[in-house]
Structures are given as C-alpha cells and as structure tokens.
C-alpha cells in the first residue's frame, strides 16, 4: 500500500532549513579548527620536517581560507532563514 505524503508547510521547511544551516556553520567551524590546529602542529615541528610538509602546509592554508569564506556565506544564509522564522 502506498503511503500518502502530506506537503510540508512553509514553517516546517524553514525549520528544517534552519537546523541544516546551523549544522553547516558548525561543520565549517570544525574544519577551520582542525586546519588551524594542524598548522600549529606543523609549526612546532623541526625545520626539516616543516620543509618536508611545505606542500601540505600550503594546502591547509588554502583549505582554511576557503572554509572561512564558505562559513561566512553560510552564516549569511543562516541569518536570512532566522529572519524568516521570527
């Protein structure tokens, strides 16, 4: 027997979107923290090991900058959704 689905209301969709955006911002923050801590860890290594990891360090810096930018975008969209839920 096929289950009948009821359409979601605007409020239900916005509530789900709000939860998703909150989680998205948090996931970006986790990545930002991980990349920043990894860069600190590399910075604490002896110079020869830091040199070996220079490409990885560059990659982490690029990822860190990207995650910060994407988090700002997600925060704007979170703010937009919050305004609609109020």
Protein backbone atom coordinates (compact mmCIF):
# COMPACT_ATOMS: atom_id res chain seq x y z
CA UNK A 1 0.00 0.00 0.00
CA UNK A 2 1.37 3.40 -0.98
CA UNK A 3 1.84 5.86 1.85
CA UNK A 4 0.29 9.23 1.22
CA UNK A 5 2.61 12.14 1.93
CA UNK A 6 1.40 15.45 3.19
CA UNK A 7 3.08 18.53 1.86
CA UNK A 8 5.29 20.37 4.29
CA UNK A 9 4.27 23.81 5.41
CA UNK A 10 6.48 26.83 4.86
CA UNK A 11 7.21 26.87 8.59
CA UNK A 12 8.28 23.21 8.58
CA UNK A 13 10.57 23.76 5.61
CA UNK A 14 12.11 26.85 7.20
CA UNK A 15 12.61 24.99 10.49
CA UNK A 16 14.39 22.16 8.68
CA UNK A 17 16.47 24.68 6.72
CA UNK A 18 17.37 26.47 9.94
CA UNK A 19 18.62 23.24 11.53
CA UNK A 20 20.60 22.38 8.39
CA UNK A 21 22.25 25.83 8.27
CA UNK A 22 23.17 25.70 11.95
CA UNK A 23 24.82 22.34 11.37
CA UNK A 24 26.54 23.62 8.22
CA UNK A 25 28.09 26.56 10.09
CA UNK A 26 29.22 24.19 12.85
CA UNK A 27 30.81 21.79 10.35
CA UNK A 28 32.73 24.67 8.77
CA UNK A 29 33.93 25.68 12.24
CA UNK A 30 35.11 22.14 12.98
CA UNK A 31 37.12 22.16 9.73
CA UNK A 32 38.50 25.63 10.48
CA UNK A 33 39.62 24.48 13.93
CA UNK A 34 41.14 21.28 12.54
CA UNK A 35 43.11 23.10 9.84
CA UNK A 36 44.32 25.79 12.26
CA UNK A 37 45.45 23.19 14.80
CA UNK A 38 47.18 21.16 12.08
CA UNK A 39 49.08 24.29 11.00
CA UNK A 40 50.11 24.86 14.63
CA UNK A 41 51.28 21.25 14.89
CA UNK A 42 53.36 21.62 11.74
CA UNK A 43 54.75 24.90 13.05
CA UNK A 44 56.00 23.09 16.14
CA UNK A 45 57.97 20.53 14.12
CA UNK A 46 61.71 20.77 13.50
CA UNK A 47 62.61 22.87 10.43
CA UNK A 48 63.50 19.86 8.25
CA UNK A 49 60.11 18.22 8.91
CA UNK A 50 58.30 21.52 8.27
CA UNK A 51 60.12 21.74 4.94
CA UNK A 52 59.00 18.23 4.02
CA UNK A 53 55.41 19.22 4.74
CA UNK A 54 55.50 22.57 2.93
CA UNK A 55 53.10 21.47 0.19
CA UNK A 56 50.70 20.12 2.81
CA UNK A 57 51.03 23.37 4.76
CA UNK A 58 50.12 25.34 1.64
CA UNK A 59 47.15 23.04 1.07
CA UNK A 60 45.97 23.52 4.66
CA UNK A 61 46.24 27.31 4.35
CA UNK A 62 44.17 27.23 1.16
CA UNK A 63 41.57 24.96 2.77
CA UNK A 64 41.45 27.17 5.87
CA UNK A 65 40.82 30.30 3.81
CA UNK A 66 38.18 28.52 1.76
CA UNK A 67 36.35 27.18 4.82
CA UNK A 68 36.33 30.63 6.43
CA UNK A 69 34.81 32.16 3.30
CA UNK A 70 32.22 29.40 2.93
CA UNK A 71 31.32 29.71 6.61
CA UNK A 72 30.68 33.44 6.15
CA UNK A 73 28.33 32.64 3.28
CA UNK A 74 26.55 30.01 5.37
CA UNK A 75 26.25 32.47 8.28
CA UNK A 76 24.56 34.99 5.98
CA UNK A 77 22.07 32.37 4.80
CA UNK A 78 21.50 31.30 8.41
CA UNK A 79 20.72 34.89 9.30
CA UNK A 80 18.29 35.13 6.38
CA UNK A 81 16.45 32.00 7.50
CA UNK A 82 16.34 33.18 11.13
CA UNK A 83 14.68 36.41 9.99
CA UNK A 84 12.00 34.42 8.20
CA UNK A 85 11.36 32.15 11.17
CA UNK A 86 10.90 35.04 13.62
